[in-house]
Amino acid sequence: MIIGIGTDIVEVKRIDKSIQKSHFIEKVYSKHEINYCEKKKNSAESYAARFAAKEAFLKALGKGWREGLAFNEIEILNDNFGKPSLNILGKSSIICSKMKIKFIHVSMSHTKNLATATVILEG
């Protein structure tokens, strides 16, 4: 059963400006995400896609920023083939348990200018 669906689109330029600011990266991204993105030729595109996925996840939950959710508790990891998955930590993980979310599906894409993501929560 689908519990929630969320989608988001962001401008890569906006995220590129934000990652230049002090502490933005540490507040939004995990160490694994930072390591992954910094290895990319155009890291801003990868950061933007992850930002969109985090926003899409929050929209799918339907809670916004309530209950103390934090961006860096929503971690996007990639398997050996590049397929993304969400690793949910902290308070976000507790909320997922309470909502009986069993599977989280994520799809991300980006171009030079835009990044988008869709998240489906399944129970």
C-alpha atoms as a PDB file:
ATOM      1  CA  MET A   1       0.000   0.000   0.000  1.00  0.00           C
ATOM      2  CA  ILE A   2       1.316   3.460  -0.876  1.00  0.00           C
ATOM      3  CA  ILE A   3       1.563   5.647   2.214  1.00  0.00           C
ATOM      4  CA  GLY A   4       2.907   8.734   0.497  1.00  0.00           C
ATOM      5  CA  ILE A   5       4.450  10.155  -2.658  1.00  0.00           C
ATOM      6  CA  GLY A   6       6.527  13.267  -3.054  1.00  0.00           C
ATOM      7  CA  THR A   7       8.367  14.977  -5.871  1.00  0.00           C
ATOM      8  CA  ASP A   8      10.638  17.993  -6.041  1.00  0.00           C
ATOM      9  CA  ILE A   9      12.642  19.948  -8.586  1.00  0.00           C
ATOM     10  CA  VAL A  10      15.451  22.412  -7.843  1.00  0.00           C
ATOM     11  CA  GLU A  11      17.734  24.675  -9.814  1.00  0.00           C
ATOM     12  CA  VAL A  12      21.322  23.437  -9.722  1.00  0.00           C
ATOM     13  CA  LYS A  13      22.574  27.045  -9.632  1.00  0.00           C
ATOM     14  CA  ARG A  14      20.658  27.690  -6.392  1.00  0.00           C
ATOM     15  CA  ILE A  15      22.201  24.654  -4.699  1.00  0.00           C
ATOM     16  CA  ASP A  16      25.639  25.549  -6.077  1.00  0.00           C
ATOM     17  CA  LYS A  17      25.380  28.968  -4.397  1.00  0.00           C
ATOM     18  CA  SER A  18      24.216  27.355  -1.152  1.00  0.00           C
ATOM     19  CA  ILE A  19      27.059  24.822  -0.966  1.00  0.00           C
ATOM     20  CA  GLN A  20      29.504  27.730  -1.084  1.00  0.00           C
ATOM     21  CA  LYS A  21      28.053  29.046   2.194  1.00  0.00           C
ATOM     22  CA  SER A  22      29.501  28.134   5.547  1.00  0.00           C
ATOM     23  CA  HIS A  23      28.011  25.031   7.200  1.00  0.00           C
ATOM     24  CA  PHE A  24      25.309  24.432   4.538  1.00  0.00           C
ATOM     25  CA  ILE A  25      26.833  21.144   3.398  1.00  0.00           C
ATOM     26  CA  GLU A  26      27.213  19.797   6.947  1.00  0.00           C
ATOM     27  CA  LYS A  27      23.633  20.739   7.873  1.00  0.00           C
ATOM     28  CA  VAL A  28      22.087  19.136   4.792  1.00  0.00           C
ATOM     29  CA  TYR A  29      24.308  16.222   3.732  1.00  0.00           C
ATOM     30  CA  SER A  30      25.874  13.207   5.441  1.00  0.00           C
ATOM     31  CA  LYS A  31      29.587  12.425   5.217  1.00  0.00           C
ATOM     32  CA  HIS A  32      28.829   9.629   2.738  1.00  0.00           C
ATOM     33  CA  GLU A  33      26.866  12.020   0.519  1.00  0.00           C
ATOM     34  CA  ILE A  34      29.588  14.671   0.652  1.00  0.00           C
ATOM     35  CA  ASN A  35      32.235  12.090  -0.264  1.00  0.00           C
ATOM     36  CA  TYR A  36      30.114  10.837  -3.192  1.00  0.00           C
ATOM     37  CA  CYS A  37      29.282  14.303  -4.551  1.00  0.00           C
ATOM     38  CA  GLU A  38      32.814  15.677  -4.249  1.00  0.00           C
ATOM     39  CA  LYS A  39      34.096  12.887  -6.515  1.00  0.00           C
ATOM     40  CA  LYS A  40      31.807  14.032  -9.330  1.00  0.00           C
ATOM     41  CA  LYS A  41      32.954  16.369 -12.093  1.00  0.00           C
ATOM     42  CA  ASN A  42      30.039  18.740 -11.462  1.00  0.00           C
ATOM     43  CA  SER A  43      29.328  18.129  -7.796  1.00  0.00           C
ATOM     44  CA  ALA A  44      26.566  20.761  -7.686  1.00  0.00           C
ATOM     45  CA  GLU A  45      24.349  18.556  -9.875  1.00  0.00           C
ATOM     46  CA  SER A  46      24.739  15.609  -7.482  1.00  0.00           C
ATOM     47  CA  TYR A  47      24.152  17.805  -4.439  1.00  0.00           C
ATOM     48  CA  ALA A  48      21.044  19.254  -6.104  1.00  0.00           C
ATOM     49  CA  ALA A  49      19.607  15.814  -6.919  1.00  0.00           C
ATOM     50  CA  ARG A  50      20.080  14.760  -3.296  1.00  0.00           C
ATOM     51  CA  PHE A  51      18.495  17.970  -2.052  1.00  0.00           C
ATOM     52  CA  ALA A  52      15.480  17.292  -4.282  1.00  0.00           C
ATOM     53  CA  ALA A  53      15.260  13.716  -2.953  1.00  0.00           C
ATOM     54  CA  LYS A  54      15.293  14.936   0.653  1.00  0.00           C
ATOM     55  CA  GLU A  55      12.526  17.442  -0.123  1.00  0.00           C
ATOM     56  CA  ALA A  56      10.541  14.754  -1.944  1.00  0.00           C
ATOM     57  CA  PHE A  57      10.871  12.451   1.057  1.00  0.00           C
ATOM     58  CA  LEU A  58       9.547  15.145   3.406  1.00  0.00           C
ATOM     59  CA  LYS A  59       6.631  15.791   1.056  1.00  0.00           C
ATOM     60  CA  ALA A  60       5.857  12.070   0.919  1.00  0.00           C
ATOM     61  CA  LEU A  61       5.817  11.927   4.726  1.00  0.00           C
ATOM     62  CA  GLY A  62       3.379  14.821   4.756  1.00  0.00           C
ATOM     63  CA  LYS A  63       4.883  16.320   7.905  1.00  0.00           C
ATOM     64  CA  GLY A  64       7.129  19.078   6.570  1.00  0.00           C
ATOM     65  CA  TRP A  65       9.612  20.157   9.219  1.00  0.00           C
ATOM     66  CA  ARG A  66       7.425  19.260  12.178  1.00  0.00           C
ATOM     67  CA  GLU A  67       8.622  16.782  14.787  1.00  0.00           C
ATOM     68  CA  GLY A  68      12.259  17.878  14.509  1.00  0.00           C
ATOM     69  CA  LEU A  69      13.117  16.365  11.148  1.00  0.00           C
ATOM     70  CA  ALA A  70      16.554  17.214   9.770  1.00  0.00           C
ATOM     71  CA  PHE A  71      17.938  17.061   6.239  1.00  0.00           C
ATOM     72  CA  ASN A  72      21.101  15.252   7.303  1.00  0.00           C
ATOM     73  CA  GLU A  73      18.963  12.406   8.719  1.00  0.00           C
ATOM     74  CA  ILE A  74      17.770  11.672   5.189  1.00  0.00           C
ATOM     75  CA  GLU A  75      20.743  10.087   3.461  1.00  0.00           C
ATOM     76  CA  ILE A  76      20.899   9.086  -0.195  1.00  0.00           C
ATOM     77  CA  LEU A  77      23.278   6.220  -0.920  1.00  0.00           C
ATOM     78  CA  ASN A  78      24.113   4.536  -4.215  1.00  0.00           C
ATOM     79  CA  ASP A  79      24.745   0.855  -4.822  1.00  0.00           C
ATOM     80  CA  ASN A  80      27.567  -0.443  -7.045  1.00  0.00           C
ATOM     81  CA  PHE A  81      25.448   0.165 -10.141  1.00  0.00           C
ATOM     82  CA  GLY A  82      24.540   3.746  -9.143  1.00  0.00           C
ATOM     83  CA  LYS A  83      20.967   2.984  -8.045  1.00  0.00           C
ATOM     84  CA  PRO A  84      19.995   5.400  -5.254  1.00  0.00           C
ATOM     85  CA  SER A  85      18.329   4.432  -1.999  1.00  0.00           C
ATOM     86  CA  LEU A  86      17.303   6.363   1.085  1.00  0.00           C
ATOM     87  CA  ASN A  87      18.864   5.601   4.444  1.00  0.00           C
ATOM     88  CA  ILE A  88      16.685   7.195   7.094  1.00  0.00           C
ATOM     89  CA  LEU A  89      18.279   8.055  10.449  1.00  0.00           C
ATOM     90  CA  GLY A  90      17.360   9.660  13.776  1.00  0.00           C
ATOM     91  CA  LYS A  91      13.894  11.135  14.304  1.00  0.00           C
ATOM     92  CA  SER A  92      13.028  10.546  10.659  1.00  0.00           C
ATOM     93  CA  SER A  93      13.561   6.819  11.199  1.00  0.00           C
ATOM     94  CA  ILE A  94      11.293   6.841  14.256  1.00  0.00           C
ATOM     95  CA  ILE A  95       8.546   8.577  12.271  1.00  0.00           C
ATOM     96  CA  CYS A  96       8.870   6.018   9.474  1.00  0.00           C
ATOM     97  CA  SER A  97       8.472   3.219  12.016  1.00  0.00           C
ATOM     98  CA  LYS A  98       5.385   4.851  13.533  1.00  0.00           C
ATOM     99  CA  MET A  99       3.884   5.268  10.059  1.00  0.00           C
ATOM    100  CA  LYS A 100       4.683   1.590   9.312  1.00  0.00           C
ATOM    101  CA  ILE A 101       6.765   2.430   6.236  1.00  0.00           C
ATOM    102  CA  LYS A 102       8.417  -0.736   4.981  1.00  0.00           C
ATOM    103  CA  PHE A 103       9.870   0.329   1.641  1.00  0.00           C
ATOM    104  CA  ILE A 104      11.134   3.650   0.318  1.00  0.00           C
ATOM    105  CA  HIS A 105      11.563   4.069  -3.424  1.00  0.00           C
ATOM    106  CA  VAL A 106      13.536   6.972  -4.849  1.00  0.00           C
ATOM    107  CA  SER A 107      14.323   8.135  -8.359  1.00  0.00           C
ATOM    108  CA  MET A 108      16.596  11.090  -9.089  1.00  0.00           C
ATOM    109  CA  SER A 109      17.696  12.839 -12.258  1.00  0.00           C
ATOM    110  CA  HIS A 110      19.575  15.981 -13.156  1.00  0.00           C
ATOM    111  CA  THR A 111      20.765  18.115 -16.012  1.00  0.00           C
ATOM    112  CA  LYS A 112      23.193  21.007 -15.995  1.00  0.00           C
ATOM    113  CA  ASN A 113      20.400  23.325 -14.825  1.00  0.00           C
ATOM    114  CA  LEU A 114      17.785  21.258 -12.965  1.00  0.00           C
ATOM    115  CA  ALA A 115      17.589  18.309 -10.579  1.00  0.00           C
ATOM    116  CA  THR A 116      14.466  16.345  -9.727  1.00  0.00           C
ATOM    117  CA  ALA A 117      13.488  13.471  -7.470  1.00  0.00           C
ATOM    118  CA  THR A 118      10.447  11.389  -6.652  1.00  0.00           C
ATOM    119  CA  VAL A 119       9.951   9.354  -3.486  1.00  0.00           C
ATOM    120  CA  ILE A 120       7.295   6.713  -2.854  1.00  0.00           C
ATOM    121  CA  LEU A 121       6.663   5.396   0.659  1.00  0.00           C
ATOM    122  CA  GLU A 122       5.172   1.949   0.857  1.00  0.00           C
ATOM    123  CA  GLY A 123       3.708   0.148   3.865  1.00  0.00           C
END
